[in-house]
Protein backbone atom coordinates (compact mmCIF):
# COMPACT_ATOMS: atom_id res chain seq x y z
CA UNK A 1 -58.73 153.03 130.61
CA UNK A 2 -56.40 150.06 130.78
CA UNK A 3 -57.71 146.57 130.16
CA UNK A 4 -56.89 145.61 133.77
CA UNK A 5 -58.91 148.54 135.24
CA UNK A 6 -61.76 147.85 132.84
CA UNK A 7 -61.78 144.21 133.93
CA UNK A 8 -61.79 145.15 137.63
CA UNK A 9 -64.66 147.61 137.08
CA UNK A 10 -66.72 144.99 135.24
CA UNK A 11 -66.03 142.47 137.98
CA UNK A 12 -67.05 144.99 140.67
CA UNK A 13 -70.34 145.71 138.91
CA UNK A 14 -71.04 142.02 138.49
CA UNK A 15 -70.27 141.36 142.15
CA UNK A 16 -72.80 144.02 143.17
CA UNK A 17 -75.44 142.20 141.13
CA UNK A 18 -74.49 138.77 142.43
CA UNK A 19 -74.08 139.75 146.12
CA UNK A 20 -77.85 139.89 146.99
CA UNK A 21 -78.41 136.49 145.39
CA UNK A 22 -75.39 135.13 147.26
CA UNK A 23 -76.76 136.43 150.57
CA UNK A 24 -80.15 134.78 149.91
CA UNK A 25 -78.47 131.47 149.16
CA UNK A 26 -76.28 131.85 152.24
CA UNK A 27 -79.34 132.55 154.41
CA UNK A 28 -81.12 129.54 152.93
CA UNK A 29 -78.19 127.27 153.72
CA UNK A 30 -78.01 128.74 157.24
CA UNK A 31 -81.61 127.75 157.94
CA UNK A 32 -80.82 124.10 157.28
CA UNK A 33 -78.63 124.22 160.35
CA UNK A 34 -75.66 122.83 158.37
CA UNK A 35 -72.46 124.44 157.20
CA UNK A 36 -71.45 124.57 153.53
CA UNK A 37 -68.66 122.15 154.42
CA UNK A 38 -71.18 119.66 155.82
CA UNK A 39 -73.38 119.99 152.74
CA UNK A 40 -70.35 119.55 150.50
CA UNK A 41 -69.16 116.46 152.37
CA UNK A 42 -72.62 114.92 152.20
CA UNK A 43 -72.81 115.70 148.48
CA UNK A 44 -69.34 114.26 148.00
CA UNK A 45 -70.28 111.01 149.75
CA UNK A 46 -73.52 110.62 147.78
CA UNK A 47 -71.84 111.39 144.46
CA UNK A 48 -68.97 109.00 145.21
CA UNK A 49 -71.45 106.20 145.94
CA UNK A 50 -73.41 106.92 142.77
CA UNK A 51 -70.31 107.02 140.59
CA UNK A 52 -69.00 103.78 142.10
CA UNK A 53 -72.27 102.02 141.26
CA UNK A 54 -72.18 102.99 137.59
CA UNK A 55 -68.52 101.96 137.24
CA UNK A 56 -66.76 105.27 136.69
CA UNK A 57 -63.06 104.58 137.07
CA UNK A 58 -61.90 108.03 138.07
CA UNK A 59 -62.35 108.79 141.75
CA UNK A 60 -64.37 111.75 142.96
CA UNK A 61 -61.11 113.36 143.99
CA UNK A 62 -59.72 113.15 140.45
CA UNK A 63 -62.95 114.49 139.00
CA UNK A 64 -62.92 117.32 141.50
CA UNK A 65 -59.29 118.20 140.65
CA UNK A 66 -60.06 118.11 136.97
CA UNK A 67 -63.15 120.25 137.53
CA UNK A 68 -61.18 122.72 139.62
CA UNK A 69 -58.48 123.00 136.95
CA UNK A 70 -61.10 123.57 134.30
CA UNK A 71 -62.77 126.12 136.56
CA UNK A 72 -59.51 128.10 136.81
CA UNK A 73 -59.15 128.21 133.05
CA UNK A 74 -62.59 129.77 132.39
CA UNK A 75 -63.33 133.52 132.54
CA UNK A 76 -64.91 135.46 135.38
CA UNK A 77 -68.37 135.43 133.80
CA UNK A 78 -68.33 131.69 133.41
CA UNK A 79 -67.02 131.29 136.97
CA UNK A 80 -69.90 133.33 138.35
CA UNK A 81 -72.35 131.43 136.19
CA UNK A 82 -70.95 128.14 137.50
CA UNK A 83 -71.24 129.36 141.08
CA UNK A 84 -74.84 130.38 140.44
CA UNK A 85 -75.62 126.92 139.08
CA UNK A 86 -74.10 125.33 142.21
CA UNK A 87 -76.00 127.68 144.51
CA UNK A 88 -79.25 127.08 142.66
CA UNK A 89 -78.66 123.34 142.85
CA UNK A 90 -78.06 123.57 146.59
CA UNK A 91 -81.20 125.71 146.94
CA UNK A 92 -83.23 123.17 144.97
CA UNK A 93 -82.00 120.36 147.21
CA UNK A 94 -82.79 122.42 150.31
CA UNK A 95 -86.28 123.30 149.03
CA UNK A 96 -86.98 119.61 148.29
CA UNK A 97 -85.83 118.59 151.78
CA UNK A 98 -87.82 121.46 153.29
CA UNK A 99 -91.00 120.41 151.48
CA UNK A 100 -90.48 116.75 152.35
CA UNK A 101 -89.86 117.53 156.04
CA UNK A 102 -92.94 119.71 156.32
CA UNK A 103 -95.56 118.25 154.04
CA UNK A 104 -94.75 114.60 153.32
CA UNK A 105 -96.54 111.95 155.44
CA UNK A 106 -94.57 111.21 158.59
CA UNK A 107 -97.14 109.75 161.01
CA UNK A 108 -96.92 105.96 160.74
CA UNK A 109 -99.91 104.88 162.86
CA UNK A 110 -103.06 106.04 164.62
CA UNK A 111 -102.44 106.91 168.25
CA UNK A 112 -103.85 109.00 171.10
CA UNK A 113 -101.08 111.19 172.49
CA UNK A 114 -101.44 112.22 176.14
CA UNK A 115 -99.49 115.32 177.19
CA UNK A 116 -99.44 116.01 180.92
CA UNK A 117 -99.05 119.37 182.62
CA UNK A 118 -95.36 118.88 183.42
CA UNK A 119 -94.29 117.13 180.20
CA UNK A 120 -91.59 118.72 178.07
CA UNK A 121 -90.92 118.52 174.33
CA UNK A 122 -88.45 115.64 174.61
CA UNK A 123 -91.01 113.59 176.53
CA UNK A 124 -93.61 114.21 173.82
CA UNK A 125 -91.14 113.10 171.14
CA UNK A 126 -90.21 110.04 173.20
CA UNK A 127 -93.86 109.02 173.58
CA UNK A 128 -94.44 109.34 169.83
CA UNK A 129 -91.22 107.48 169.05
CA UNK A 130 -91.78 104.61 171.50
CA UNK A 131 -95.27 104.00 170.10
CA UNK A 132 -94.00 103.88 166.52
CA UNK A 133 -95.85 107.00 165.43
CA UNK A 134 -93.07 108.82 163.59
CA UNK A 135 -91.30 107.61 160.46
CA UNK A 136 -88.57 110.28 160.72
CA UNK A 137 -88.09 111.69 164.20
CA UNK A 138 -85.50 114.31 163.23
CA UNK A 139 -87.73 115.98 160.64
CA UNK A 140 -90.46 116.24 163.29
CA UNK A 141 -88.00 117.85 165.70
CA UNK A 142 -86.79 120.29 163.03
CA UNK A 143 -90.28 121.45 162.01
CA UNK A 144 -91.40 121.65 165.66
CA UNK A 145 -88.49 123.92 166.55
CA UNK A 146 -89.01 126.07 163.46
CA UNK A 147 -92.68 126.57 164.47
CA UNK A 148 -91.64 127.12 168.11
CA UNK A 149 -93.79 124.21 169.29
CA UNK A 150 -91.02 122.93 171.56
CA UNK A 151 -91.67 125.99 173.76
CA UNK A 152 -95.47 126.01 173.46
CA UNK A 153 -96.80 122.63 174.65
CA UNK A 154 -100.49 122.31 175.57
CA UNK A 155 -101.58 119.49 177.92
CA UNK A 156 -104.34 117.24 176.67
CA UNK A 157 -105.28 114.17 174.65
CA UNK A 158 -104.68 114.39 170.92
CA UNK A 159 -105.72 111.76 168.41
CA UNK A 160 -102.87 111.36 165.92
CA UNK A 161 -103.86 110.00 162.50
CA UNK A 162 -101.79 107.84 160.20
CA UNK A 163 -100.59 109.70 157.09
CA UNK A 164 -100.38 113.14 158.71
CA UNK A 165 -97.41 115.34 157.84
CA UNK A 166 -95.23 116.99 160.47
CA UNK A 167 -96.94 120.27 159.70
CA UNK A 168 -100.43 118.83 160.28
CA UNK A 169 -99.42 117.12 163.50
CA UNK A 170 -97.67 120.16 164.95
CA UNK A 171 -100.54 122.48 163.99
CA UNK A 172 -102.95 120.31 166.02
CA UNK A 173 -100.62 120.03 169.01
CA UNK A 174 -99.71 123.72 168.97
CA UNK A 175 -103.36 124.81 168.74
CA UNK A 176 -104.31 122.90 171.90
CA UNK A 177 -107.45 121.53 170.20
CA UNK A 178 -107.90 118.30 172.16
CA UNK A 179 -109.71 115.15 171.12
CA UNK A 180 -112.51 114.42 173.64
CA UNK A 181 -112.32 111.09 175.48
CA UNK A 182 -115.30 108.95 176.46
CA UNK A 183 -115.59 108.69 180.24
CA UNK A 184 -117.73 105.77 181.39
CA UNK A 185 -118.76 104.68 184.88
CA UNK A 186 -121.26 102.11 186.12
CA UNK A 187 -121.56 99.51 188.88
CA UNK A 188 -120.24 102.03 191.41
CA UNK A 189 -120.93 101.62 195.12
CA UNK A 190 -118.94 104.36 196.85
CA UNK A 191 -117.46 107.78 196.17
CA UNK A 192 -114.00 106.21 196.45
CA UNK A 193 -114.90 103.74 193.71
CA UNK A 194 -116.16 106.59 191.52
CA UNK A 195 -113.05 108.71 192.09
CA UNK A 196 -110.79 105.79 191.18
CA UNK A 197 -112.76 104.99 188.02
CA UNK A 198 -112.77 108.60 186.79
CA UNK A 199 -109.09 109.15 187.60
CA UNK A 200 -108.18 106.22 185.35
CA UNK A 201 -109.85 108.01 182.44
CA UNK A 202 -108.88 111.65 183.09
CA UNK A 203 -105.64 113.45 183.97
CA UNK A 204 -106.42 114.29 187.62
CA UNK A 205 -105.65 111.81 190.40
CA UNK A 206 -108.34 110.08 192.46
CA UNK A 207 -107.47 112.01 195.63
CA UNK A 208 -108.39 115.31 193.94
CA UNK A 209 -111.78 113.90 193.00
CA UNK A 210 -112.55 112.35 196.36
CA UNK A 211 -111.66 115.55 198.22
CA UNK A 212 -114.14 117.52 196.13
CA UNK A 213 -116.86 114.84 196.26
CA UNK A 214 -116.70 114.84 200.06
CA UNK A 215 -116.52 118.63 200.41
CA UNK A 216 -119.74 119.68 202.13
CA UNK A 217 -119.73 123.20 200.71
CA UNK A 218 -119.37 121.89 197.15
CA UNK A 219 -122.20 119.39 197.53
CA UNK A 220 -124.50 121.90 199.22
CA UNK A 221 -124.03 124.35 196.35
CA UNK A 222 -125.33 121.66 194.03
CA UNK A 223 -128.35 120.98 196.24
CA UNK A 224 -127.14 117.75 197.87
CA UNK A 225 -126.04 116.55 201.29
CA UNK A 226 -123.22 114.13 202.01
CA UNK A 227 -125.83 111.36 202.41
CA UNK A 228 -127.45 112.06 199.03
CA UNK A 229 -124.49 113.09 196.85
CA UNK A 230 -124.42 109.63 195.21
CA UNK A 231 -127.78 110.52 193.62
CA UNK A 232 -126.06 113.26 191.59
CA UNK A 233 -124.19 110.84 189.35
CA UNK A 234 -126.08 109.24 186.46
CA UNK A 235 -124.04 106.26 185.18
CA UNK A 236 -123.40 106.61 181.46
CA UNK A 237 -120.68 107.45 178.92
CA UNK A 238 -119.75 111.13 178.64
CA UNK A 239 -117.56 112.99 176.16
CA UNK A 240 -115.03 115.04 178.16
CA UNK A 241 -111.61 116.55 177.67
CA UNK A 242 -108.83 114.55 179.27
CA UNK A 243 -107.72 117.67 181.19
CA UNK A 244 -111.18 118.13 182.78
CA UNK A 245 -110.75 119.21 186.41
CA UNK A 246 -112.69 117.66 189.31
CA UNK A 247 -114.75 120.84 189.65
CA UNK A 248 -115.56 120.87 185.93
CA UNK A 249 -116.50 117.19 186.16
CA UNK A 250 -118.85 117.89 189.06
CA UNK A 251 -120.45 120.77 187.14
CA UNK A 252 -120.96 118.49 184.13
CA UNK A 253 -122.57 115.84 186.33
CA UNK A 254 -125.05 118.42 187.67
CA UNK A 255 -125.92 119.36 184.09
CA UNK A 256 -126.51 115.68 183.24
CA UNK A 257 -128.54 115.20 186.42
CA UNK A 258 -130.84 118.11 185.55
CA UNK A 259 -131.17 116.81 182.00
CA UNK A 260 -132.11 113.32 183.22
CA UNK A 261 -134.63 114.58 185.74
CA UNK A 262 -136.92 116.22 183.21
CA UNK A 263 -140.52 117.18 183.96
CA UNK A 264 -141.83 113.76 182.94
CA UNK A 265 -139.61 111.87 185.38
CA UNK A 266 -140.20 114.41 188.13
CA UNK A 267 -143.93 113.99 187.60
CA UNK A 268 -143.67 110.20 187.95
CA UNK A 269 -141.66 110.57 191.16
CA UNK A 270 -144.25 112.96 192.58
CA UNK A 271 -147.10 110.58 191.73
CA UNK A 272 -145.34 107.86 193.77
CA UNK A 273 -144.87 110.28 196.65
CA UNK A 274 -141.07 110.43 196.39
CA UNK A 275 -138.48 113.11 195.70
CA UNK A 276 -135.84 112.54 193.04
CA UNK A 277 -133.27 111.74 195.74
CA UNK A 278 -135.63 109.23 197.31
CA UNK A 279 -136.18 107.59 193.94
CA UNK A 280 -132.38 107.22 193.66
CA UNK A 281 -132.24 105.78 197.19
CA UNK A 282 -134.90 103.16 196.48
CA UNK A 283 -133.34 102.41 193.08
CA UNK A 284 -130.01 101.72 194.78
CA UNK A 285 -131.67 99.10 196.98
CA UNK A 286 -133.48 97.52 194.02
CA UNK A 287 -130.16 97.37 192.17
CA UNK A 288 -128.54 95.41 195.00
CA UNK A 289 -131.48 93.02 195.14
CA UNK A 290 -131.37 91.93 191.49
CA UNK A 291 -129.59 92.39 188.18
CA UNK A 292 -132.53 90.96 186.24
CA UNK A 293 -134.33 93.61 184.19
CA UNK A 294 -137.64 91.70 184.43
CA UNK A 295 -137.54 91.50 188.24
CA UNK A 296 -136.47 95.06 189.03
CA UNK A 297 -139.87 96.78 188.47
CA UNK A 298 -141.58 93.99 190.47
CA UNK A 299 -139.16 94.39 193.40
CA UNK A 300 -139.62 98.15 193.24
CA UNK A 301 -143.39 97.53 193.47
CA UNK A 302 -142.90 95.43 196.61
CA UNK A 303 -141.00 98.22 198.38
CA UNK A 304 -143.46 100.90 197.25
CA UNK A 305 -146.34 98.77 198.58
CA UNK A 306 -144.53 98.60 201.92
CA UNK A 307 -143.86 102.36 201.98
CA UNK A 308 -147.51 103.10 201.25
CA UNK A 309 -148.55 100.75 204.09
CA UNK A 310 -145.95 102.27 206.45
CA UNK A 311 -144.23 98.91 206.77
CA UNK A 312 -140.47 98.72 207.38
CA UNK A 313 -138.61 97.98 204.16
CA UNK A 314 -136.54 95.20 205.75
CA UNK A 315 -134.09 95.35 202.86
CA UNK A 316 -131.04 93.11 203.34
CA UNK A 317 -128.78 95.32 201.13
CA UNK A 318 -129.12 98.15 203.65
CA UNK A 319 -127.77 95.83 206.36
CA UNK A 320 -124.75 95.01 204.19
CA UNK A 321 -124.21 98.73 203.67
CA UNK A 322 -124.50 99.43 207.40
CA UNK A 323 -121.97 96.67 208.11
CA UNK A 324 -119.69 97.90 205.32
CA UNK A 325 -119.57 94.46 203.67
CA UNK A 326 -121.34 93.88 200.36
CA UNK A 327 -119.88 90.38 200.12
CA UNK A 328 -122.24 88.93 202.74
CA UNK A 329 -124.52 86.37 201.07
CA UNK A 330 -126.52 85.36 204.14
CA UNK A 331 -127.79 87.92 206.64
CA UNK A 332 -127.83 86.51 210.18
CA UNK A 333 -130.32 87.48 212.90
CA UNK A 334 -127.55 89.00 215.02
CA UNK A 335 -126.59 91.29 212.13
CA UNK A 336 -130.11 92.71 211.94
CA UNK A 337 -129.46 94.49 215.24
CA UNK A 338 -126.70 96.72 213.86
CA UNK A 339 -127.08 100.33 214.97
CA UNK A 340 -127.26 102.47 211.85
CA UNK A 341 -129.70 104.88 210.18
CA UNK A 342 -129.37 102.55 207.18
CA UNK A 343 -130.81 99.57 209.09
CA UNK A 344 -134.25 99.29 207.46
CA UNK A 345 -135.24 96.51 209.83
CA UNK A 346 -135.09 98.90 212.80
CA UNK A 347 -135.84 102.26 211.11
CA UNK A 348 -139.03 102.98 209.19
CA UNK A 349 -139.08 104.39 205.67
CA UNK A 350 -136.17 104.90 203.33
CA UNK A 351 -132.55 105.19 204.53
CA UNK A 352 -130.89 108.67 204.50
CA UNK A 353 -129.50 108.24 200.98
CA UNK A 354 -128.47 105.84 198.24
CA UNK A 355 -126.33 102.84 199.16
CA UNK A 356 -124.70 102.91 195.70
CA UNK A 357 -124.91 104.87 192.45
CA UNK A 358 -128.04 103.43 190.80
CA UNK A 359 -128.00 102.66 187.09
CA UNK A 360 -130.53 104.29 184.77
CA UNK A 361 -132.31 100.92 184.47
CA UNK A 362 -132.79 100.84 188.25
CA UNK A 363 -134.06 104.42 188.35
CA UNK A 364 -136.52 103.63 185.55
CA UNK A 365 -137.62 100.47 187.39
CA UNK A 366 -138.71 102.58 190.35
CA UNK A 367 -140.36 105.29 188.24
CA UNK A 368 -142.18 102.61 186.22
CA UNK A 369 -142.72 100.07 189.01
CA UNK A 370 -145.00 97.10 188.53
CA UNK A 371 -148.38 97.54 190.21
CA UNK A 372 -149.27 94.31 192.07
CA UNK A 373 -150.27 92.91 195.50
CA UNK A 374 -146.90 91.45 196.49
CA UNK A 375 -145.39 92.45 199.83
CA UNK A 376 -142.62 89.87 200.03
CA UNK A 377 -139.90 88.37 197.88
CA UNK A 378 -136.70 86.35 198.21
CA UNK A 379 -134.13 84.86 195.87
CA UNK A 380 -135.01 81.65 194.06
CA UNK A 381 -133.46 78.49 195.38
CA UNK A 382 -131.94 77.69 191.97
CA UNK A 383 -129.56 80.68 192.28
CA UNK A 384 -130.69 81.90 188.85
CA UNK A 385 -130.76 85.48 190.07
CA UNK A 386 -134.54 85.68 189.82
CA UNK A 387 -136.91 86.07 192.79
CA UNK A 388 -139.98 84.35 194.23
CA UNK A 389 -142.73 86.85 195.10
CA UNK A 390 -145.44 86.39 197.69
CA UNK A 391 -148.58 88.19 198.87
CA UNK A 392 -148.69 86.63 202.36
CA UNK A 393 -146.11 86.02 205.07
CA UNK A 394 -146.79 82.27 205.18
CA UNK A 395 -146.16 81.99 201.44
CA UNK A 396 -143.00 84.05 201.81
CA UNK A 397 -141.74 81.88 204.66
CA UNK A 398 -142.06 78.78 202.45
CA UNK A 399 -140.07 80.50 199.71
CA UNK A 400 -137.47 81.68 202.20
CA UNK A 401 -137.10 78.18 203.66
CA UNK A 402 -136.39 76.73 200.21
CA UNK A 403 -133.68 79.34 199.64
CA UNK A 404 -132.11 78.75 203.07
CA UNK A 405 -132.00 74.99 202.48
CA UNK A 406 -130.27 75.62 199.15
CA UNK A 407 -127.69 77.80 200.92
CA UNK A 408 -127.13 75.04 203.47
CA UNK A 409 -126.49 72.52 200.70
CA UNK A 410 -123.98 74.93 199.21
CA UNK A 411 -122.46 75.31 202.70
CA UNK A 412 -123.01 79.07 202.59
CA UNK A 413 -123.41 80.13 206.20
CA UNK A 414 -122.52 83.81 206.02
């Protein structure tokens, strides 16, 4: 066999051995999303900068030409070995970049990411970017696309933690495991107020909530009427998912209602002669009368004394409710004639339902009312928020006169 044929045969055998390794390296480079030319140009630029800094006189071009000339002079084995070294070097660089992009910290700050139903991947990236959450946006995009997260978004609230890698962040977002949010409501008078407060803390809009709250079939299923539905809601802070629907919220509120009205509280209500809804109704009146914790059980005792004596409650807050104006500071005689089932001056007993959503403190004030002989009370003339209590009408009239004179001095006539 001639030397030329022998050389060709050896080269062919060597190529067969090298080809699989070459294909692996080629596939690896392909995954970076860059061509060999791009990688080469980037390497050229970096090397040129490095050589310039250390004062090498020859340009990169001269070094490359010299290297190429030297490469032509070496044998086939050495050429292949040199190519392998280059490929392995490229692979090492790619592996380093791969590891850095996936597992190095890339989340710069703590943040709660909110993803809505119609949001797309670019909007998620924009939200993270605008809030300074990502150190390197492009590496996040690259890992997200590789893990197919850009096509698998899950709505919800996700707490992003400083120091997370792209891999950690995308795993949480892709899994759809939300971070619960604390939903708080108190000092609520109407269903509209409640719907607005909840909508500011959850994904759904207030209209969706109000429609469900005022749906007779929904309230009846829960054991309430439109007049008593306010009694369902126990003001507190609740852990909920941001994507909680109005129906799921209503179901949760029924669960919390049943938990609050345990056998002990039901027993106390029964001993007073009231249902749980009636307790809530009376508590809502007490709540409008005073925000002083010390006075609430005493005021509740006044109204319970009146109920037990079959006296009209004559509660001014019910007149404000009937008139639809809680800003009235002074109830006039003409206003007492308003036609409404909530007018407790004209109608005996409790009104049809709560006039607001009573706080737990107000509910407890009724259940644990102060036992006494008072049948009257009015606000103190010093506007401290406390009340003067009286056992007789004459004593009450003196207290009321002092308060009215104080209002006159303040020029409060309505």
